[in-house]
């Protein structure tokens, strides 16, 4: 590989793990899975591009929280009996009592 073909900003796997807040092994798993491209530097050292590590971090799209969903269900159903509220609590993830009882 010529000097011009060496990628810029290579960082150690340990540094990539620290940036991502994951273990060294997780970064190696990303390389094995093809999620990150690893570069061999000598016989033992493995590095990744800093830009590739940064690209892994994406904002998570959050559509509707569980509490909002429960409020929507309660608003659509009108007045609920105690049995209906208990059934909602049983079927849905835990949320505050006010969400199940219809308080906004």
Protein backbone atom coordinates (compact mmCIF):
# COMPACT_ATOMS: atom_id res chain seq x y z
CA UNK A 1 0.00 0.00 0.00
CA UNK A 2 1.47 3.35 -0.95
CA UNK A 3 1.67 6.29 1.41
CA UNK A 4 -1.15 8.03 -0.47
CA UNK A 5 -3.42 4.99 0.00
CA UNK A 6 -3.14 4.99 3.79
CA UNK A 7 -6.44 6.23 5.23
CA UNK A 8 -6.40 9.44 7.25
CA UNK A 9 -7.25 9.57 10.94
CA UNK A 10 -6.79 5.92 11.88
CA UNK A 11 -7.46 5.27 15.55
CA UNK A 12 -6.87 2.26 17.77
CA UNK A 13 -9.69 -0.17 18.43
CA UNK A 14 -9.49 0.74 22.13
CA UNK A 15 -9.96 4.43 21.26
CA UNK A 16 -12.92 3.59 19.03
CA UNK A 17 -14.46 1.59 21.88
CA UNK A 18 -14.00 4.52 24.27
CA UNK A 19 -15.60 6.97 21.82
CA UNK A 20 -18.59 4.69 21.33
CA UNK A 21 -18.90 3.69 24.98
CA UNK A 22 -18.66 -0.01 24.11
CA UNK A 23 -16.13 -2.76 24.77
CA UNK A 24 -13.03 -3.51 22.74
CA UNK A 25 -14.68 -6.84 21.79
CA UNK A 26 -17.78 -5.04 20.46
CA UNK A 27 -15.63 -2.98 18.10
CA UNK A 28 -13.94 -6.18 16.91
CA UNK A 29 -17.41 -7.66 16.36
CA UNK A 30 -18.35 -4.59 14.27
CA UNK A 31 -15.24 -5.20 12.15
CA UNK A 32 -16.04 -8.92 11.79
CA UNK A 33 -19.62 -8.09 10.77
CA UNK A 34 -18.51 -5.47 8.24
CA UNK A 35 -20.09 -2.62 10.18
CA UNK A 36 -16.65 -1.04 10.56
CA UNK A 37 -13.71 -1.40 8.19
CA UNK A 38 -10.55 -2.48 9.99
CA UNK A 39 -7.01 -1.75 8.81
CA UNK A 40 -4.08 -3.95 9.74
CA UNK A 41 -1.03 -1.95 10.77
CA UNK A 42 1.78 -4.45 11.01
CA UNK A 43 1.21 -8.04 12.03
CA UNK A 44 -0.91 -7.40 15.14
CA UNK A 45 -2.30 -3.87 15.34
CA UNK A 46 -5.78 -3.21 14.01
CA UNK A 47 -7.13 0.30 13.51
CA UNK A 48 -10.32 1.93 12.20
CA UNK A 49 -11.06 5.29 10.63
CA UNK A 50 -12.26 7.88 13.12
CA UNK A 51 -14.86 9.09 10.60
CA UNK A 52 -16.30 5.56 10.33
CA UNK A 53 -16.61 5.38 14.11
CA UNK A 54 -18.35 8.76 14.22
CA UNK A 55 -20.72 7.65 11.44
CA UNK A 56 -21.97 4.81 13.65
CA UNK A 57 -23.51 7.32 16.04
CA UNK A 58 -26.88 8.40 14.66
CA UNK A 59 -29.81 10.10 16.38
CA UNK A 60 -32.52 7.64 17.26
CA UNK A 61 -35.94 8.38 15.82
CA UNK A 62 -38.55 8.29 18.56
CA UNK A 63 -42.10 8.27 17.28
CA UNK A 64 -44.41 7.93 20.24
CA UNK A 65 -43.56 7.07 23.83
CA UNK A 66 -45.45 4.33 25.65
CA UNK A 67 -47.18 6.89 27.88
CA UNK A 68 -48.34 8.91 24.88
CA UNK A 69 -49.65 5.73 23.25
CA UNK A 70 -51.60 4.81 26.39
CA UNK A 71 -53.06 8.34 26.60
CA UNK A 72 -54.13 8.05 22.94
CA UNK A 73 -55.81 4.70 23.62
CA UNK A 74 -57.58 6.02 26.71
CA UNK A 75 -58.75 9.17 24.89
CA UNK A 76 -60.12 7.07 22.03
CA UNK A 77 -61.90 4.67 24.37
CA UNK A 78 -63.61 7.27 26.54
CA UNK A 79 -64.44 6.21 30.10
CA UNK A 80 -62.86 2.91 31.06
CA UNK A 81 -63.91 0.51 33.75
CA UNK A 82 -61.44 -0.64 36.37
CA UNK A 83 -61.28 -3.98 34.57
CA UNK A 84 -60.38 -2.27 31.27
CA UNK A 85 -57.65 -0.22 32.97
CA UNK A 86 -56.28 -3.40 34.56
CA UNK A 87 -56.24 -5.09 31.14
CA UNK A 88 -54.35 -2.15 29.63
CA UNK A 89 -51.80 -2.34 32.44
CA UNK A 90 -51.40 -6.07 31.84
CA UNK A 91 -50.93 -5.78 28.06
CA UNK A 92 -48.74 -2.70 27.76
CA UNK A 93 -45.29 -1.83 29.09
CA UNK A 94 -45.25 -0.15 32.50
CA UNK A 95 -46.34 3.49 32.46
CA UNK A 96 -47.52 5.95 35.06
CA UNK A 97 -50.94 5.51 36.63
CA UNK A 98 -52.04 8.91 35.34
CA UNK A 99 -51.49 7.80 31.75
CA UNK A 100 -53.65 4.71 32.20
CA UNK A 101 -56.30 6.60 34.16
CA UNK A 102 -56.60 9.19 31.39
CA UNK A 103 -54.99 12.19 33.05
CA UNK A 104 -52.87 14.23 30.61
